[in-house]
């Protein structure tokens, strides 16, 4: 089995020693992803903006791996504040559509107090 590692180019990957995604067929593992704007690095103050950015980064990683949100089988959400989860539900429903994954929600301190959500997913590669 060939394992492929995908970088998003974020500086933290090299500093910490991880990559955005690992493709280990038939699975794709996406690292915990916070809501920094993937193009500017800015962190929105609101959870909805952070959620949108995290989903964009995850979507790009899934695409680079050759898969998409319809193939996500597992998602874990990490939130600093319980009240911040419900405002994200519309975006999460839109991302996963008719293919909702198994999920877990964990409330915990995140690396930076300004971070409101972190999302981690596991997907499969489409059948060839």
Protein backbone atom coordinates (compact mmCIF):
# COMPACT_ATOMS: atom_id res chain seq x y z
CA UNK A 1 0.00 0.00 0.00
CA UNK A 2 1.27 3.44 -0.91
CA UNK A 3 0.67 6.20 1.63
CA UNK A 4 0.41 9.74 0.28
CA UNK A 5 0.74 12.84 2.44
CA UNK A 6 -0.95 16.08 1.42
CA UNK A 7 0.14 19.48 2.73
CA UNK A 8 -2.06 22.55 2.68
CA UNK A 9 1.01 24.77 2.86
CA UNK A 10 0.08 26.13 6.29
CA UNK A 11 3.23 27.02 8.26
CA UNK A 12 2.09 24.99 11.29
CA UNK A 13 2.44 21.72 9.40
CA UNK A 14 6.23 22.00 9.22
CA UNK A 15 6.54 23.57 12.67
CA UNK A 16 4.51 20.88 14.43
CA UNK A 17 5.31 17.93 12.18
CA UNK A 18 2.01 16.90 10.61
CA UNK A 19 0.25 17.17 7.26
CA UNK A 20 -3.28 18.22 6.34
CA UNK A 21 -4.22 14.79 4.99
CA UNK A 22 -2.93 11.26 4.73
CA UNK A 23 -4.22 8.98 2.01
CA UNK A 24 -3.88 5.36 3.13
CA UNK A 25 -6.19 3.51 0.73
CA UNK A 26 -9.03 3.03 1.01
CA UNK A 27 -9.10 5.82 3.63
CA UNK A 28 -8.29 9.52 3.72
CA UNK A 29 -7.56 11.04 7.13
CA UNK A 30 -7.90 14.82 7.42
CA UNK A 31 -6.15 16.45 10.39
CA UNK A 32 -8.07 18.59 12.83
CA UNK A 33 -8.79 21.79 10.92
CA UNK A 34 -9.44 25.17 12.49
CA UNK A 35 -11.15 28.11 10.86
CA UNK A 36 -8.32 30.30 9.66
CA UNK A 37 -8.97 31.71 6.22
CA UNK A 38 -7.06 29.33 3.93
CA UNK A 39 -5.88 32.18 1.71
CA UNK A 40 -5.07 34.94 4.23
CA UNK A 41 -4.51 33.07 7.50
CA UNK A 42 -6.95 35.38 9.28
CA UNK A 43 -9.20 33.93 11.97
CA UNK A 44 -12.78 35.29 11.91
CA UNK A 45 -14.22 36.32 15.26
CA UNK A 46 -17.47 34.37 14.72
CA UNK A 47 -17.94 30.61 14.78
CA UNK A 48 -19.87 30.62 11.50
CA UNK A 49 -16.92 32.19 9.67
CA UNK A 50 -14.49 29.78 11.30
CA UNK A 51 -16.70 26.81 10.41
CA UNK A 52 -16.93 27.95 6.78
CA UNK A 53 -13.15 28.30 6.54
CA UNK A 54 -12.53 24.90 8.14
CA UNK A 55 -14.95 23.26 5.68
CA UNK A 56 -13.21 25.00 2.77
CA UNK A 57 -9.81 23.72 3.88
CA UNK A 58 -11.21 20.22 4.39
CA UNK A 59 -12.91 20.32 0.99
CA UNK A 60 -9.64 21.27 -0.68
CA UNK A 61 -7.80 18.45 1.10
CA UNK A 62 -10.48 15.93 0.14
CA UNK A 63 -10.28 17.07 -3.49
CA UNK A 64 -6.48 16.80 -3.48
CA UNK A 65 -6.88 13.25 -2.19
CA UNK A 66 -9.35 12.40 -4.95
CA UNK A 67 -12.52 12.32 -2.87
CA UNK A 68 -15.20 14.64 -1.49
CA UNK A 69 -17.64 15.29 1.35
CA UNK A 70 -20.00 12.53 0.11
CA UNK A 71 -17.28 10.00 1.00
CA UNK A 72 -16.75 11.23 4.58
CA UNK A 73 -17.58 8.40 6.99
CA UNK A 74 -16.54 9.98 10.30
CA UNK A 75 -16.33 13.52 11.64
CA UNK A 76 -15.22 14.85 15.01
CA UNK A 77 -16.05 18.39 16.06
CA UNK A 78 -14.06 20.12 18.80
CA UNK A 79 -15.59 23.28 20.23
CA UNK A 80 -14.56 25.54 23.06
CA UNK A 81 -18.14 26.62 23.80
CA UNK A 82 -21.26 24.43 23.62
CA UNK A 83 -23.30 27.40 22.41
CA UNK A 84 -21.18 27.61 19.25
CA UNK A 85 -22.21 24.24 17.84
CA UNK A 86 -25.80 24.91 16.81
CA UNK A 87 -24.95 27.99 14.68
CA UNK A 88 -22.77 25.68 12.54
CA UNK A 89 -25.48 23.10 11.84
CA UNK A 90 -26.74 24.66 8.58
CA UNK A 91 -23.23 24.65 7.09
CA UNK A 92 -22.59 21.09 8.25
CA UNK A 93 -25.87 19.87 6.75
CA UNK A 94 -24.99 21.62 3.49
CA UNK A 95 -21.48 20.12 3.39
CA UNK A 96 -22.56 16.54 4.02
CA UNK A 97 -25.92 16.71 2.26
CA UNK A 98 -27.52 13.33 1.70
CA UNK A 99 -24.40 11.55 3.01
CA UNK A 100 -24.19 12.36 6.74
CA UNK A 101 -21.21 10.73 8.47
CA UNK A 102 -20.98 9.24 11.94
CA UNK A 103 -20.00 12.06 14.28
CA UNK A 104 -18.73 13.00 17.71
CA UNK A 105 -18.72 16.39 19.42
CA UNK A 106 -16.10 17.17 22.04
CA UNK A 107 -16.02 20.36 24.10
CA UNK A 108 -12.44 21.28 24.94
CA UNK A 109 -9.92 24.09 25.11
CA UNK A 110 -8.49 24.71 21.66
CA UNK A 111 -4.90 25.76 20.96
CA UNK A 112 -5.74 29.48 20.71
CA UNK A 113 -8.54 31.02 22.83
CA UNK A 114 -9.80 32.82 19.68
CA UNK A 115 -10.41 29.46 17.97
CA UNK A 116 -14.01 28.36 18.25
CA UNK A 117 -14.16 25.12 16.23
CA UNK A 118 -11.85 22.42 14.92
CA UNK A 119 -13.08 19.71 12.54
CA UNK A 120 -11.43 16.37 11.79
CA UNK A 121 -12.72 13.90 9.17
CA UNK A 122 -12.09 10.45 7.82
CA UNK A 123 -13.25 9.66 4.29
CA UNK A 124 -13.00 6.82 1.84
CA UNK A 125 -11.74 6.95 -1.70
CA UNK A 126 -14.48 6.49 -4.30
CA UNK A 127 -14.78 3.02 -5.77
CA UNK A 128 -12.90 2.83 -9.03
